[in-house]
Amino acid sequence: DLSTGIIYRRRIATCRNVIPEILRKSSVSQVSVLKVSNIHLEEESWLNMQKRNMAMKTHCLTWTQYASLSEESVFRESLENPDWTDFTQKGRISVMGAGLLNCVLEGFALSFLKQGVKK
């Protein structure tokens, strides 16, 4: 956007399914949707060079009828030192319609997101 100087991007990513095989091979009919080899994500980003910040939103496009997985990140110039970057990240996970496995799947998703944060 030439008037604001904000660069907007929207991307679709394909990632390898990292759900453990034990859960993907389950004979429970509700879990058969986990057997996909790839997961699709949508990422949107707004880069404002004038204000020196960037916001990103990502959400899962796969399994939307069973789970909601989203992440929001903000990168901005540190108030302490303009050469530093403050990074804030929020994530949301909700699994529904998988019966007793809701808790197990939410726990796995949470640990996966935490590993990503450490990187």
PDB file of N, CA and C in Angstrom:
ATOM      1  N   ASP A   1       0.856  -1.168   0.000  1.00  0.00           N
ATOM      2  CA  ASP A   1       0.000   0.000   0.000  1.00  0.00           C
ATOM      3  C   ASP A   1       0.904   1.234   0.000  1.00  0.00           C
ATOM      4  N   LEU A   2       0.902   1.960  -1.087  1.00  0.00           N
ATOM      5  CA  LEU A   2       1.790   3.109  -1.214  1.00  0.00           C
ATOM      6  C   LEU A   2       1.430   4.240  -0.253  1.00  0.00           C
ATOM      7  N   SER A   3       0.159   4.367   0.105  1.00  0.00           N
ATOM      8  CA  SER A   3      -0.235   5.465   0.997  1.00  0.00           C
ATOM      9  C   SER A   3       0.219   5.233   2.444  1.00  0.00           C
ATOM     10  N   THR A   4       0.251   3.991   2.893  1.00  0.00           N
ATOM     11  CA  THR A   4       0.647   3.700   4.277  1.00  0.00           C
ATOM     12  C   THR A   4       2.059   3.138   4.383  1.00  0.00           C
ATOM     13  N   GLY A   5       2.584   2.617   3.293  1.00  0.00           N
ATOM     14  CA  GLY A   5       3.904   1.999   3.323  1.00  0.00           C
ATOM     15  C   GLY A   5       3.897   0.588   3.884  1.00  0.00           C
ATOM     16  N   ILE A   6       2.728   0.021   4.102  1.00  0.00           N
ATOM     17  CA  ILE A   6       2.616  -1.330   4.667  1.00  0.00           C
ATOM     18  C   ILE A   6       2.645  -2.362   3.541  1.00  0.00           C
ATOM     19  N   ILE A   7       3.505  -3.363   3.728  1.00  0.00           N
ATOM     20  CA  ILE A   7       3.587  -4.464   2.768  1.00  0.00           C
ATOM     21  C   ILE A   7       2.777  -5.625   3.333  1.00  0.00           C
ATOM     22  N   TYR A   8       1.757  -6.050   2.593  1.00  0.00           N
ATOM     23  CA  TYR A   8       0.887  -7.158   3.021  1.00  0.00           C
ATOM     24  C   TYR A   8       1.215  -8.386   2.185  1.00  0.00           C
ATOM     25  N   ARG A   9       1.322  -9.532   2.859  1.00  0.00           N
ATOM     26  CA  ARG A   9       1.539 -10.801   2.153  1.00  0.00           C
ATOM     27  C   ARG A   9       0.590 -11.847   2.706  1.00  0.00           C
ATOM     28  N   ARG A  10       0.097 -12.685   1.818  1.00  0.00           N
ATOM     29  CA  ARG A  10      -0.742 -13.829   2.207  1.00  0.00           C
ATOM     30  C   ARG A  10      -0.163 -15.042   1.499  1.00  0.00           C
ATOM     31  N   ARG A  11       0.173 -16.064   2.298  1.00  0.00           N
ATOM     32  CA  ARG A  11       0.782 -17.261   1.727  1.00  0.00           C
ATOM     33  C   ARG A  11       0.085 -18.504   2.250  1.00  0.00           C
ATOM     34  N   ILE A  12       0.107 -19.530   1.438  1.00  0.00           N
ATOM     35  CA  ILE A  12      -0.371 -20.845   1.843  1.00  0.00           C
ATOM     36  C   ILE A  12       0.856 -21.752   1.903  1.00  0.00           C
ATOM     37  N   ALA A  13       1.032 -22.434   3.034  1.00  0.00           N
ATOM     38  CA  ALA A  13       2.184 -23.317   3.212  1.00  0.00           C
ATOM     39  C   ALA A  13       1.708 -24.761   3.343  1.00  0.00           C
ATOM     40  N   THR A  14       2.504 -25.662   2.846  1.00  0.00           N
ATOM     41  CA  THR A  14       2.262 -27.090   3.000  1.00  0.00           C
ATOM     42  C   THR A  14       3.373 -27.649   3.871  1.00  0.00           C
ATOM     43  N   CYS A  15       2.984 -28.286   4.976  1.00  0.00           N
ATOM     44  CA  CYS A  15       3.939 -28.839   5.926  1.00  0.00           C
ATOM     45  C   CYS A  15       3.693 -30.330   6.097  1.00  0.00           C
ATOM     46  N   ARG A  16       4.732 -31.034   6.432  1.00  0.00           N
ATOM     47  CA  ARG A  16       4.619 -32.469   6.701  1.00  0.00           C
ATOM     48  C   ARG A  16       3.809 -32.675   7.981  1.00  0.00           C
ATOM     49  N   ASN A  17       2.937 -33.663   7.988  1.00  0.00           N
ATOM     50  CA  ASN A  17       2.140 -34.006   9.167  1.00  0.00           C
ATOM     51  C   ASN A  17       3.051 -34.600  10.230  1.00  0.00           C
ATOM     52  N   VAL A  18       3.135 -33.947  11.393  1.00  0.00           N
ATOM     53  CA  VAL A  18       4.030 -34.412  12.458  1.00  0.00           C
ATOM     54  C   VAL A  18       3.290 -35.128  13.581  1.00  0.00           C
ATOM     55  N   ILE A  19       2.006 -35.383  13.389  1.00  0.00           N
ATOM     56  CA  ILE A  19       1.255 -36.131  14.404  1.00  0.00           C
ATOM     57  C   ILE A  19       1.815 -37.548  14.460  1.00  0.00           C
ATOM     58  N   PRO A  20       2.098 -38.059  15.647  1.00  0.00           N
ATOM     59  CA  PRO A  20       2.694 -39.393  15.772  1.00  0.00           C
ATOM     60  C   PRO A  20       1.875 -40.476  15.057  1.00  0.00           C
ATOM     61  N   GLU A  21       2.588 -41.408  14.465  1.00  0.00           N
ATOM     62  CA  GLU A  21       1.960 -42.508  13.715  1.00  0.00           C
ATOM     63  C   GLU A  21       0.939 -43.271  14.554  1.00  0.00           C
ATOM     64  N   ILE A  22       1.202 -43.421  15.849  1.00  0.00           N
ATOM     65  CA  ILE A  22       0.280 -44.174  16.715  1.00  0.00           C
ATOM     66  C   ILE A  22      -1.107 -43.548  16.698  1.00  0.00           C
ATOM     67  N   LEU A  23      -1.169 -42.225  16.633  1.00  0.00           N
ATOM     68  CA  LEU A  23      -2.471 -41.554  16.567  1.00  0.00           C
ATOM     69  C   LEU A  23      -3.060 -41.617  15.165  1.00  0.00           C
ATOM     70  N   ARG A  24      -2.196 -41.558  14.137  1.00  0.00           N
ATOM     71  CA  ARG A  24      -2.701 -41.592  12.759  1.00  0.00           C
ATOM     72  C   ARG A  24      -3.200 -42.972  12.367  1.00  0.00           C
ATOM     73  N   LYS A  25      -2.640 -44.023  12.963  1.00  0.00           N
ATOM     74  CA  LYS A  25      -3.035 -45.386  12.610  1.00  0.00           C
ATOM     75  C   LYS A  25      -4.213 -45.895  13.424  1.00  0.00           C
ATOM     76  N   SER A  26      -4.721 -45.074  14.314  1.00  0.00           N
ATOM     77  CA  SER A  26      -5.829 -45.489  15.166  1.00  0.00           C
ATOM     78  C   SER A  26      -7.022 -45.918  14.310  1.00  0.00           C
ATOM     79  N   SER A  27      -7.724 -46.928  14.783  1.00  0.00           N
ATOM     80  CA  SER A  27      -8.892 -47.424  14.049  1.00  0.00           C
ATOM     81  C   SER A  27     -10.153 -46.631  14.381  1.00  0.00           C
ATOM     82  N   VAL A  28     -10.047 -45.674  15.287  1.00  0.00           N
ATOM     83  CA  VAL A  28     -11.212 -44.855  15.640  1.00  0.00           C
ATOM     84  C   VAL A  28     -11.576 -44.027  14.423  1.00  0.00           C
ATOM     85  N   SER A  29     -12.826 -44.114  13.980  1.00  0.00           N
ATOM     86  CA  SER A  29     -13.244 -43.446  12.746  1.00  0.00           C
ATOM     87  C   SER A  29     -13.057 -41.940  12.801  1.00  0.00           C
ATOM     88  N   GLN A  30     -13.228 -41.357  13.982  1.00  0.00           N
ATOM     89  CA  GLN A  30     -13.085 -39.909  14.098  1.00  0.00           C
ATOM     90  C   GLN A  30     -11.642 -39.472  13.889  1.00  0.00           C
ATOM     91  N   VAL A  31     -10.706 -40.345  14.134  1.00  0.00           N
ATOM     92  CA  VAL A  31      -9.298 -39.994  14.037  1.00  0.00           C
ATOM     93  C   VAL A  31      -8.755 -40.266  12.642  1.00  0.00           C
ATOM     94  N   SER A  32      -9.523 -40.921  11.777  1.00  0.00           N
ATOM     95  CA  SER A  32      -9.032 -41.234  10.436  1.00  0.00           C
ATOM     96  C   SER A  32      -8.648 -39.982   9.654  1.00  0.00           C
ATOM     97  N   VAL A  33      -9.184 -38.828  10.027  1.00  0.00           N
ATOM     98  CA  VAL A  33      -8.820 -37.579   9.339  1.00  0.00           C
ATOM     99  C   VAL A  33      -7.375 -37.195   9.610  1.00  0.00           C
ATOM    100  N   LEU A  34      -6.751 -37.790  10.623  1.00  0.00           N
ATOM    101  CA  LEU A  34      -5.358 -37.486  10.954  1.00  0.00           C
ATOM    102  C   LEU A  34      -4.386 -38.154   9.991  1.00  0.00           C
ATOM    103  N   LYS A  35      -4.868 -39.049   9.139  1.00  0.00           N
ATOM    104  CA  LYS A  35      -4.006 -39.839   8.274  1.00  0.00           C
ATOM    105  C   LYS A  35      -3.458 -39.063   7.075  1.00  0.00           C
ATOM    106  N   VAL A  36      -3.693 -37.777   6.981  1.00  0.00           N
ATOM    107  CA  VAL A  36      -3.170 -36.991   5.862  1.00  0.00           C
ATOM    108  C   VAL A  36      -1.658 -36.842   5.996  1.00  0.00           C
ATOM    109  N   SER A  37      -0.967 -36.812   4.855  1.00  0.00           N
ATOM    110  CA  SER A  37       0.493 -36.689   4.904  1.00  0.00           C
ATOM    111  C   SER A  37       0.955 -35.236   5.013  1.00  0.00           C
ATOM    112  N   ASN A  38       0.116 -34.296   4.572  1.00  0.00           N
ATOM    113  CA  ASN A  38       0.477 -32.883   4.623  1.00  0.00           C
ATOM    114  C   ASN A  38      -0.594 -32.051   5.310  1.00  0.00           C
ATOM    115  N   ILE A  39      -0.164 -30.960   5.903  1.00  0.00           N
ATOM    116  CA  ILE A  39      -1.060 -30.010   6.568  1.00  0.00           C
ATOM    117  C   ILE A  39      -0.889 -28.670   5.871  1.00  0.00           C
ATOM    118  N   HIS A  40      -1.984 -27.972   5.649  1.00  0.00           N
ATOM    119  CA  HIS A  40      -1.937 -26.682   4.967  1.00  0.00           C
ATOM    120  C   HIS A  40      -2.212 -25.552   5.953  1.00  0.00           C
ATOM    121  N   LEU A  41      -1.398 -24.515   5.868  1.00  0.00           N
ATOM    122  CA  LEU A  41      -1.506 -23.357   6.740  1.00  0.00           C
ATOM    123  C   LEU A  41      -1.638 -22.097   5.890  1.00  0.00           C
ATOM    124  N   GLU A  42      -2.363 -21.125   6.426  1.00  0.00           N
ATOM    125  CA  GLU A  42      -2.432 -19.817   5.785  1.00  0.00           C
ATOM    126  C   GLU A  42      -1.719 -18.821   6.688  1.00  0.00           C
ATOM    127  N   GLU A  43      -0.842 -18.020   6.090  1.00  0.00           N
ATOM    128  CA  GLU A  43      -0.104 -17.009   6.841  1.00  0.00           C
ATOM    129  C   GLU A  43      -0.342 -15.647   6.202  1.00  0.00           C
ATOM    130  N   GLU A  44      -0.654 -14.676   7.041  1.00  0.00           N
ATOM    131  CA  GLU A  44      -0.784 -13.301   6.588  1.00  0.00           C
ATOM    132  C   GLU A  44       0.232 -12.474   7.358  1.00  0.00           C
ATOM    133  N   SER A  45       0.851 -11.502   6.688  1.00  0.00           N
ATOM    134  CA  SER A  45       1.808 -10.642   7.385  1.00  0.00           C
ATOM    135  C   SER A  45       1.661  -9.207   6.898  1.00  0.00           C
ATOM    136  N   TRP A  46       1.938  -8.296   7.829  1.00  0.00           N
ATOM    137  CA  TRP A  46       1.892  -6.864   7.568  1.00  0.00           C
ATOM    138  C   TRP A  46       3.216  -6.280   8.024  1.00  0.00           C
ATOM    139  N   LEU A  47       4.007  -5.768   7.097  1.00  0.00           N
ATOM    140  CA  LEU A  47       5.304  -5.182   7.410  1.00  0.00           C
ATOM    141  C   LEU A  47       5.210  -3.667   7.239  1.00  0.00           C
ATOM    142  N   ASN A  48       5.461  -2.952   8.324  1.00  0.00           N
ATOM    143  CA  ASN A  48       5.426  -1.492   8.307  1.00  0.00           C
ATOM    144  C   ASN A  48       6.848  -0.987   8.533  1.00  0.00           C
ATOM    145  N   MET A  49       7.515  -0.620   7.452  1.00  0.00           N
ATOM    146  CA  MET A  49       8.907  -0.164   7.545  1.00  0.00           C
ATOM    147  C   MET A  49       9.015   1.188   8.242  1.00  0.00           C
ATOM    148  N   GLN A  50       7.987   2.035   8.116  1.00  0.00           N
ATOM    149  CA  GLN A  50       8.026   3.348   8.764  1.00  0.00           C
ATOM    150  C   GLN A  50       8.009   3.213  10.286  1.00  0.00           C
ATOM    151  N   LYS A  51       7.150   2.339  10.798  1.00  0.00           N
ATOM    152  CA  LYS A  51       7.050   2.135  12.253  1.00  0.00           C
ATOM    153  C   LYS A  51       7.984   1.033  12.751  1.00  0.00           C
ATOM    154  N   ARG A  52       8.671   0.388  11.822  1.00  0.00           N
ATOM    155  CA  ARG A  52       9.608  -0.690  12.135  1.00  0.00           C
ATOM    156  C   ARG A  52       8.949  -1.809  12.940  1.00  0.00           C
ATOM    157  N   ASN A  53       7.840  -2.338  12.397  1.00  0.00           N
ATOM    158  CA  ASN A  53       7.203  -3.488  13.038  1.00  0.00           C
ATOM    159  C   ASN A  53       6.592  -4.406  11.988  1.00  0.00           C
ATOM    160  N   MET A  54       6.335  -5.625  12.409  1.00  0.00           N
ATOM    161  CA  MET A  54       5.690  -6.605  11.531  1.00  0.00           C
ATOM    162  C   MET A  54       4.758  -7.469  12.372  1.00  0.00           C
ATOM    163  N   ALA A  55       3.577  -7.693  11.861  1.00  0.00           N
ATOM    164  CA  ALA A  55       2.602  -8.574  12.509  1.00  0.00           C
ATOM    165  C   ALA A  55       2.337  -9.751  11.576  1.00  0.00           C
ATOM    166  N   MET A  56       2.162 -10.932  12.179  1.00  0.00           N
ATOM    167  CA  MET A  56       1.867 -12.135  11.403  1.00  0.00           C
ATOM    168  C   MET A  56       0.736 -12.901  12.071  1.00  0.00           C
ATOM    169  N   LYS A  57      -0.134 -13.464  11.246  1.00  0.00           N
ATOM    170  CA  LYS A  57      -1.198 -14.349  11.728  1.00  0.00           C
ATOM    171  C   LYS A  57      -1.157 -15.614  10.885  1.00  0.00           C
ATOM    172  N   THR A  58      -1.186 -16.745  11.571  1.00  0.00           N
ATOM    173  CA  THR A  58      -1.168 -18.037  10.891  1.00  0.00           C
ATOM    174  C   THR A  58      -2.283 -18.896  11.457  1.00  0.00           C
ATOM    175  N   HIS A  59      -2.967 -19.627  10.576  1.00  0.00           N
ATOM    176  CA  HIS A  59      -3.957 -20.590  11.059  1.00  0.00           C
ATOM    177  C   HIS A  59      -3.972 -21.806  10.139  1.00  0.00           C
ATOM    178  N   CYS A  60      -4.401 -22.896  10.719  1.00  0.00           N
ATOM    179  CA  CYS A  60      -4.423 -24.181  10.025  1.00  0.00           C
ATOM    180  C   CYS A  60      -5.663 -24.269   9.131  1.00  0.00           C
ATOM    181  N   LEU A  61      -5.459 -24.692   7.883  1.00  0.00           N
ATOM    182  CA  LEU A  61      -6.563 -24.885   6.948  1.00  0.00           C
ATOM    183  C   LEU A  61      -7.032 -26.337   6.905  1.00  0.00           C
ATOM    184  N   THR A  62      -6.215 -27.230   7.450  1.00  0.00           N
ATOM    185  CA  THR A  62      -6.535 -28.653   7.481  1.00  0.00           C
ATOM    186  C   THR A  62      -7.296 -28.950   8.771  1.00  0.00           C
ATOM    187  N   TRP A  63      -8.255 -29.811   8.719  1.00  0.00           N
ATOM    188  CA  TRP A  63      -9.029 -30.281   9.880  1.00  0.00           C
ATOM    189  C   TRP A  63      -9.885 -29.193  10.534  1.00  0.00           C
ATOM    190  N   THR A  64     -10.314 -28.203   9.787  1.00  0.00           N
ATOM    191  CA  THR A  64     -11.071 -27.101  10.397  1.00  0.00           C
ATOM    192  C   THR A  64     -12.357 -27.571  11.069  1.00  0.00           C
ATOM    193  N   GLN A  65     -12.908 -28.706  10.644  1.00  0.00           N
ATOM    194  CA  GLN A  65     -14.124 -29.209  11.286  1.00  0.00           C
ATOM    195  C   GLN A  65     -13.835 -29.882  12.629  1.00  0.00           C
ATOM    196  N   TYR A  66     -12.538 -30.178  12.904  1.00  0.00           N
ATOM    197  CA  TYR A  66     -12.172 -30.858  14.143  1.00  0.00           C
ATOM    198  C   TYR A  66     -11.277 -30.037  15.063  1.00  0.00           C
ATOM    199  N   ALA A  67     -10.534 -29.091  14.488  1.00  0.00           N
ATOM    200  CA  ALA A  67      -9.575 -28.354  15.313  1.00  0.00           C
ATOM    201  C   ALA A  67      -9.364 -26.947  14.794  1.00  0.00           C
ATOM    202  N   SER A  68      -9.029 -26.089  15.713  1.00  0.00           N
ATOM    203  CA  SER A  68      -8.668 -24.716  15.381  1.00  0.00           C
ATOM    204  C   SER A  68      -7.289 -24.462  15.976  1.00  0.00           C
ATOM    205  N   LEU A  69      -6.356 -24.095  15.127  1.00  0.00           N
ATOM    206  CA  LEU A  69      -4.986 -23.844  15.560  1.00  0.00           C
ATOM    207  C   LEU A  69      -4.556 -22.526  14.933  1.00  0.00           C
ATOM    208  N   SER A  70      -4.218 -21.547  15.761  1.00  0.00           N
ATOM    209  CA  SER A  70      -3.807 -20.249  15.222  1.00  0.00           C
ATOM    210  C   SER A  70      -2.663 -19.680  16.037  1.00  0.00           C
ATOM    211  N   GLU A  71      -1.948 -18.765  15.406  1.00  0.00           N
ATOM    212  CA  GLU A  71      -0.785 -18.156  16.029  1.00  0.00           C
ATOM    213  C   GLU A  71      -0.700 -16.706  15.559  1.00  0.00           C
ATOM    214  N   GLU A  72      -0.369 -15.823  16.484  1.00  0.00           N
ATOM    215  CA  GLU A  72      -0.172 -14.413  16.158  1.00  0.00           C
ATOM    216  C   GLU A  72       1.186 -13.990  16.697  1.00  0.00           C
ATOM    217  N   SER A  73       1.955 -13.305  15.866  1.00  0.00           N
ATOM    218  CA  SER A  73       3.291 -12.843  16.259  1.00  0.00           C
ATOM    219  C   SER A  73       3.446 -11.379  15.899  1.00  0.00           C
ATOM    220  N   VAL A  74       4.155 -10.657  16.758  1.00  0.00           N
ATOM    221  CA  VAL A  74       4.452  -9.250  16.496  1.00  0.00           C
ATOM    222  C   VAL A  74       5.941  -9.032  16.751  1.00  0.00           C
ATOM    223  N   PHE A  75       6.600  -8.423  15.784  1.00  0.00           N
ATOM    224  CA  PHE A  75       8.004  -8.039  15.887  1.00  0.00           C
ATOM    225  C   PHE A  75       8.034  -6.515  15.850  1.00  0.00           C
ATOM    226  N   ARG A  76       8.675  -5.905  16.850  1.00  0.00           N
ATOM    227  CA  ARG A  76       8.765  -4.443  16.843  1.00  0.00           C
ATOM    228  C   ARG A  76      10.094  -4.005  17.437  1.00  0.00           C
ATOM    229  N   GLU A  77      10.447  -2.782  17.106  1.00  0.00           N
ATOM    230  CA  GLU A  77      11.680  -2.199  17.632  1.00  0.00           C
ATOM    231  C   GLU A  77      11.596  -2.095  19.143  1.00  0.00           C
ATOM    232  N   SER A  78      12.651  -2.503  19.814  1.00  0.00           N
ATOM    233  CA  SER A  78      12.693  -2.440  21.273  1.00  0.00           C
ATOM    234  C   SER A  78      12.786  -0.998  21.747  1.00  0.00           C
ATOM    235  N   LEU A  79      12.082  -0.687  22.817  1.00  0.00           N
ATOM    236  CA  LEU A  79      12.168   0.641  23.417  1.00  0.00           C
ATOM    237  C   LEU A  79      13.507   0.838  24.119  1.00  0.00           C
ATOM    238  N   GLU A  80      14.125  -0.271  24.557  1.00  0.00           N
ATOM    239  CA  GLU A  80      15.418  -0.209  25.247  1.00  0.00           C
ATOM    240  C   GLU A  80      16.571   0.117  24.296  1.00  0.00           C
ATOM    241  N   ASN A  81      16.508  -0.499  23.125  1.00  0.00           N
ATOM    242  CA  ASN A  81      17.602  -0.355  22.170  1.00  0.00           C
ATOM    243  C   ASN A  81      17.021  -0.532  20.764  1.00  0.00           C
ATOM    244  N   PRO A  82      17.116   0.464  19.892  1.00  0.00           N
ATOM    245  CA  PRO A  82      16.525   0.363  18.557  1.00  0.00           C
ATOM    246  C   PRO A  82      17.148  -0.723  17.682  1.00  0.00           C
ATOM    247  N   ASP A  83      18.298  -1.261  18.099  1.00  0.00           N
ATOM    248  CA  ASP A  83      18.925  -2.352  17.359  1.00  0.00           C
ATOM    249  C   ASP A  83      18.392  -3.719  17.786  1.00  0.00           C
ATOM    250  N   TRP A  84      17.557  -3.751  18.813  1.00  0.00           N
ATOM    251  CA  TRP A  84      16.962  -4.986  19.312  1.00  0.00           C
ATOM    252  C   TRP A  84      15.530  -5.108  18.805  1.00  0.00           C
ATOM    253  N   THR A  85      15.024  -6.334  18.828  1.00  0.00           N
ATOM    254  CA  THR A  85      13.651  -6.607  18.416  1.00  0.00           C
ATOM    255  C   THR A  85      12.882  -7.226  19.573  1.00  0.00           C
ATOM    256  N   ASP A  86      11.713  -6.656  19.882  1.00  0.00           N
ATOM    257  CA  ASP A  86      10.791  -7.275  20.839  1.00  0.00           C
ATOM    258  C   ASP A  86       9.891  -8.206  20.045  1.00  0.00           C
ATOM    259  N   PHE A  87       9.727  -9.418  20.540  1.00  0.00           N
ATOM    260  CA  PHE A  87       8.931 -10.436  19.863  1.00  0.00           C
ATOM    261  C   PHE A  87       7.853 -10.927  20.809  1.00  0.00           C
ATOM    262  N   THR A  88       6.606 -10.848  20.386  1.00  0.00           N
ATOM    263  CA  THR A  88       5.474 -11.327  21.172  1.00  0.00           C
ATOM    264  C   THR A  88       4.734 -12.364  20.333  1.00  0.00           C
ATOM    265  N   GLN A  89       4.360 -13.480  20.972  1.00  0.00           N
ATOM    266  CA  GLN A  89       3.662 -14.533  20.241  1.00  0.00           C
ATOM    267  C   GLN A  89       2.526 -15.088  21.084  1.00  0.00           C
ATOM    268  N   LYS A  90       1.390 -15.314  20.447  1.00  0.00           N
ATOM    269  CA  LYS A  90       0.235 -15.931  21.087  1.00  0.00           C
ATOM    270  C   LYS A  90      -0.218 -17.091  20.213  1.00  0.00           C
ATOM    271  N   GLY A  91      -0.632 -18.163  20.853  1.00  0.00           N
ATOM    272  CA  GLY A  91      -1.145 -19.307  20.115  1.00  0.00           C
ATOM    273  C   GLY A  91      -2.432 -19.807  20.742  1.00  0.00           C
ATOM    274  N   ARG A  92      -3.319 -20.334  19.900  1.00  0.00           N
ATOM    275  CA  ARG A  92      -4.591 -20.881  20.376  1.00  0.00           C
ATOM    276  C   ARG A  92      -4.803 -22.250  19.746  1.00  0.00           C
ATOM    277  N   ILE A  93      -5.239 -23.185  20.582  1.00  0.00           N
ATOM    278  CA  ILE A  93      -5.517 -24.542  20.128  1.00  0.00           C
ATOM    279  C   ILE A  93      -6.868 -24.958  20.674  1.00  0.00           C
ATOM    280  N   SER A  94      -7.691 -25.506  19.832  1.00  0.00           N
ATOM    281  CA  SER A  94      -8.967 -26.044  20.272  1.00  0.00           C
ATOM    282  C   SER A  94      -9.292 -27.263  19.420  1.00  0.00           C
ATOM    283  N   VAL A  95      -9.528 -28.389  20.069  1.00  0.00           N
ATOM    284  CA  VAL A  95      -9.883 -29.620  19.364  1.00  0.00           C
ATOM    285  C   VAL A  95     -11.292 -29.988  19.776  1.00  0.00           C
ATOM    286  N   MET A  96     -12.135 -30.291  18.769  1.00  0.00           N
ATOM    287  CA  MET A  96     -13.505 -30.683  19.074  1.00  0.00           C
ATOM    288  C   MET A  96     -13.907 -31.842  18.160  1.00  0.00           C
ATOM    289  N   GLY A  97     -14.829 -32.607  18.608  1.00  0.00           N
ATOM    290  CA  GLY A  97     -15.357 -33.689  17.781  1.00  0.00           C
ATOM    291  C   GLY A  97     -14.501 -34.938  17.728  1.00  0.00           C
ATOM    292  N   ALA A  98     -13.465 -35.050  18.574  1.00  0.00           N
ATOM    293  CA  ALA A  98     -12.625 -36.244  18.565  1.00  0.00           C
ATOM    294  C   ALA A  98     -12.853 -37.087  19.811  1.00  0.00           C
ATOM    295  N   GLY A  99     -13.930 -36.812  20.513  1.00  0.00           N
ATOM    296  CA  GLY A  99     -14.270 -37.607  21.686  1.00  0.00           C
ATOM    297  C   GLY A  99     -13.210 -37.543  22.765  1.00  0.00           C
ATOM    298  N   LEU A 100     -12.833 -38.719  23.264  1.00  0.00           N
ATOM    299  CA  LEU A 100     -11.858 -38.784  24.345  1.00  0.00           C
ATOM    300  C   LEU A 100     -10.454 -38.350  23.922  1.00  0.00           C
ATOM    301  N   LEU A 101     -10.210 -38.321  22.621  1.00  0.00           N
ATOM    302  CA  LEU A 101      -8.875 -37.939  22.152  1.00  0.00           C
ATOM    303  C   LEU A 101      -8.672 -36.421  22.099  1.00  0.00           C
ATOM    304  N   ASN A 102      -9.710 -35.641  22.344  1.00  0.00           N
ATOM    305  CA  ASN A 102      -9.565 -34.176  22.330  1.00  0.00           C
ATOM    306  C   ASN A 102      -8.380 -33.740  23.180  1.00  0.00           C
ATOM    307  N   CYS A 103      -8.330 -34.211  24.406  1.00  0.00           N
ATOM    308  CA  CYS A 103      -7.287 -33.805  25.355  1.00  0.00           C
ATOM    309  C   CYS A 103      -5.905 -34.244  24.869  1.00  0.00           C
ATOM    310  N   VAL A 104      -5.784 -35.454  24.354  1.00  0.00           N
ATOM    311  CA  VAL A 104      -4.507 -35.966  23.866  1.00  0.00           C
ATOM    312  C   VAL A 104      -4.012 -35.126  22.694  1.00  0.00           C
ATOM    313  N   LEU A 105      -4.909 -34.848  21.743  1.00  0.00           N
ATOM    314  CA  LEU A 105      -4.528 -34.072  20.573  1.00  0.00           C
ATOM    315  C   LEU A 105      -4.181 -32.630  20.940  1.00  0.00           C
ATOM    316  N   GLU A 106      -4.927 -32.028  21.860  1.00  0.00           N
ATOM    317  CA  GLU A 106      -4.603 -30.677  22.304  1.00  0.00           C
ATOM    318  C   GLU A 106      -3.241 -30.652  22.988  1.00  0.00           C
ATOM    319  N   GLY A 107      -2.949 -31.651  23.790  1.00  0.00           N
ATOM    320  CA  GLY A 107      -1.655 -31.734  24.459  1.00  0.00           C
ATOM    321  C   GLY A 107      -0.510 -31.860  23.469  1.00  0.00           C
ATOM    322  N   PHE A 108      -0.709 -32.682  22.432  1.00  0.00           N
ATOM    323  CA  PHE A 108       0.323 -32.821  21.406  1.00  0.00           C
ATOM    324  C   PHE A 108       0.518 -31.503  20.674  1.00  0.00           C
ATOM    325  N   ALA A 109      -0.566 -30.858  20.291  1.00  0.00           N
ATOM    326  CA  ALA A 109      -0.472 -29.580  19.575  1.00  0.00           C
ATOM    327  C   ALA A 109       0.227 -28.530  20.432  1.00  0.00           C
ATOM    328  N   LEU A 110      -0.082 -28.506  21.716  1.00  0.00           N
ATOM    329  CA  LEU A 110       0.555 -27.551  22.625  1.00  0.00           C
ATOM    330  C   LEU A 110       2.060 -27.787  22.703  1.00  0.00           C
ATOM    331  N   SER A 111       2.479 -29.041  22.846  1.00  0.00           N
ATOM    332  CA  SER A 111       3.912 -29.321  22.934  1.00  0.00           C
ATOM    333  C   SER A 111       4.608 -28.993  21.617  1.00  0.00           C
ATOM    334  N   PHE A 112       3.931 -29.207  20.494  1.00  0.00           N
ATOM    335  CA  PHE A 112       4.500 -28.876  19.185  1.00  0.00           C
ATOM    336  C   PHE A 112       4.703 -27.366  19.061  1.00  0.00           C
ATOM    337  N   LEU A 113       3.707 -26.578  19.483  1.00  0.00           N
ATOM    338  CA  LEU A 113       3.837 -25.118  19.433  1.00  0.00           C
ATOM    339  C   LEU A 113       4.941 -24.625  20.356  1.00  0.00           C
ATOM    340  N   LYS A 114       5.060 -25.225  21.533  1.00  0.00           N
ATOM    341  CA  LYS A 114       6.102 -24.821  22.473  1.00  0.00           C
ATOM    342  C   LYS A 114       7.495 -25.086  21.892  1.00  0.00           C
ATOM    343  N   GLN A 115       7.658 -26.193  21.164  1.00  0.00           N
ATOM    344  CA  GLN A 115       8.938 -26.492  20.524  1.00  0.00           C
ATOM    345  C   GLN A 115       9.259 -25.426  19.491  1.00  0.00           C
ATOM    346  N   GLY A 116       8.254 -24.988  18.753  1.00  0.00           N
ATOM    347  CA  GLY A 116       8.439 -23.937  17.760  1.00  0.00           C
ATOM    348  C   GLY A 116       8.857 -22.629  18.388  1.00  0.00           C
ATOM    349  N   VAL A 117       8.287 -22.321  19.544  1.00  0.00           N
ATOM    350  CA  VAL A 117       8.627 -21.078  20.250  1.00  0.00           C
ATOM    351  C   VAL A 117      10.088 -21.114  20.689  1.00  0.00           C
ATOM    352  N   LYS A 118      10.565 -22.269  21.144  1.00  0.00           N
ATOM    353  CA  LYS A 118      11.955 -22.380  21.585  1.00  0.00           C
ATOM    354  C   LYS A 118      12.936 -22.130  20.443  1.00  0.00           C
ATOM    355  N   LYS A 119      12.538 -22.508  19.233  1.00  0.00           N
ATOM    356  CA  LYS A 119      13.412 -22.297  18.062  1.00  0.00           C
ATOM    357  C   LYS A 119      13.500 -20.824  17.765  1.00  0.00           C
TER     358      LYS A 119
END
